[in-house]
Amino acid sequence: MHLPGRKKGSIKISAVQENGQISITVRDDGNRVTCSVDINRTNSLGIQLIRTLVQHHVEGFLTITSGKGTEVRMEFPALTEGYNNV
């Protein structure tokens, strides 16, 4: 991970499935994203791709928060038998 002005950094990834929902969280301790990031109007191709997958293909939610680092959380329903949309 490249962090301008730093030699070390960390990324933590977690995935949890409970109550029929899957939650995937990616956190880093690098420079935080500006709080004004609008995931629906961003020029970032990466965020556009993740948003499209989460919101349109698996009918979930995407949130990006910033504090000490940045956190991206994706939440969506767990697939059930007979699900043919993916």
Protein backbone atom coordinates (compact mmCIF):
# COMPACT_ATOMS: atom_id res chain seq x y z
CA MET A 1 0.00 0.00 0.00
CA HIS A 2 1.44 3.39 -0.97
CA LEU A 3 0.91 6.12 1.59
CA PRO A 4 2.43 9.49 0.68
CA GLY A 5 4.83 10.59 3.43
CA ARG A 6 4.60 7.26 5.29
CA LYS A 7 6.56 4.03 5.16
CA LYS A 8 3.88 1.80 6.72
CA GLY A 9 0.15 1.43 6.51
CA SER A 10 -2.48 -1.20 7.01
CA ILE A 11 -5.63 -2.44 5.32
CA LYS A 12 -8.20 -4.54 7.17
CA ILE A 13 -10.89 -6.50 5.36
CA SER A 14 -13.78 -8.21 7.09
CA ALA A 15 -16.79 -10.14 5.83
CA VAL A 16 -19.74 -11.18 7.96
CA GLN A 17 -22.94 -13.00 7.09
CA GLU A 18 -25.82 -12.86 9.54
CA ASN A 19 -29.59 -12.57 9.41
CA GLY A 20 -29.61 -13.07 5.64
CA GLN A 21 -27.25 -10.13 5.02
CA ILE A 22 -23.60 -9.99 3.98
CA SER A 23 -21.45 -7.10 5.10
CA ILE A 24 -17.96 -6.55 3.63
CA THR A 25 -15.82 -3.79 5.14
CA VAL A 26 -12.47 -2.52 3.88
CA ARG A 27 -10.59 -0.10 6.19
CA ASP A 28 -7.24 1.59 5.88
CA ASP A 29 -5.27 3.95 8.09
CA GLY A 30 -4.03 6.15 5.25
CA ASN A 31 -5.04 9.62 4.17
CA ARG A 32 -8.73 9.99 4.58
CA VAL A 33 -11.13 10.59 1.74
CA THR A 34 -12.76 14.00 1.73
CA CYS A 35 -16.04 13.86 3.59
CA SER A 36 -17.84 15.33 0.58
CA VAL A 37 -17.45 12.21 -1.60
CA ASP A 38 -20.74 11.62 -3.37
CA ILE A 39 -20.70 7.97 -4.44
CA ASN A 40 -23.41 8.71 -7.00
CA ARG A 41 -21.45 11.51 -8.72
CA THR A 42 -17.79 10.53 -8.38
CA ASN A 43 -15.23 10.44 -11.19
CA SER A 44 -13.46 7.49 -9.56
CA LEU A 45 -13.82 4.45 -11.81
CA GLY A 46 -13.19 2.12 -8.86
CA ILE A 47 -16.01 3.59 -6.79
CA GLN A 48 -18.31 3.63 -9.85
CA LEU A 49 -17.66 -0.08 -10.44
CA ILE A 50 -18.21 -1.04 -6.80
CA ARG A 51 -21.36 1.10 -6.60
CA THR A 52 -22.80 -0.48 -9.75
CA LEU A 53 -22.10 -4.00 -8.52
CA VAL A 54 -23.46 -3.43 -5.03
CA GLN A 55 -26.51 -1.27 -5.82
CA HIS A 56 -27.62 -2.71 -9.15
CA HIS A 57 -26.44 -6.32 -9.30
CA VAL A 58 -26.88 -7.48 -5.72
CA GLU A 59 -29.37 -4.79 -4.59
CA GLY A 60 -27.29 -3.61 -1.66
CA PHE A 61 -25.89 -0.47 -0.08
CA LEU A 62 -22.46 1.16 -0.28
CA THR A 63 -21.13 3.66 2.25
CA ILE A 64 -17.79 5.43 2.50
CA THR A 65 -16.81 7.06 5.77
CA SER A 66 -13.70 8.90 6.76
CA GLY A 67 -12.10 9.50 10.10
CA LYS A 68 -8.76 8.04 11.04
CA GLY A 69 -8.33 6.53 7.57
CA THR A 70 -11.14 5.48 5.25
CA GLU A 71 -13.81 2.78 5.53
CA VAL A 72 -15.81 1.34 2.63
CA ARG A 73 -18.77 -0.85 3.64
CA MET A 74 -20.88 -2.94 1.27
CA GLU A 75 -24.06 -4.58 2.54
CA PHE A 76 -26.32 -6.81 0.50
CA PRO A 77 -28.71 -9.76 0.87
CA ALA A 78 -27.17 -13.23 0.94
CA LEU A 79 -28.03 -15.26 -2.14
CA THR A 80 -30.76 -17.82 -1.73
CA GLU A 81 -31.46 -20.94 -3.76
CA GLY A 82 -32.99 -20.16 -7.12
CA TYR A 83 -31.60 -16.62 -7.30
CA ASN A 84 -30.83 -16.01 -11.00
CA ASN A 85 -30.00 -12.29 -11.24
CA VAL A 86 -26.21 -12.48 -10.87
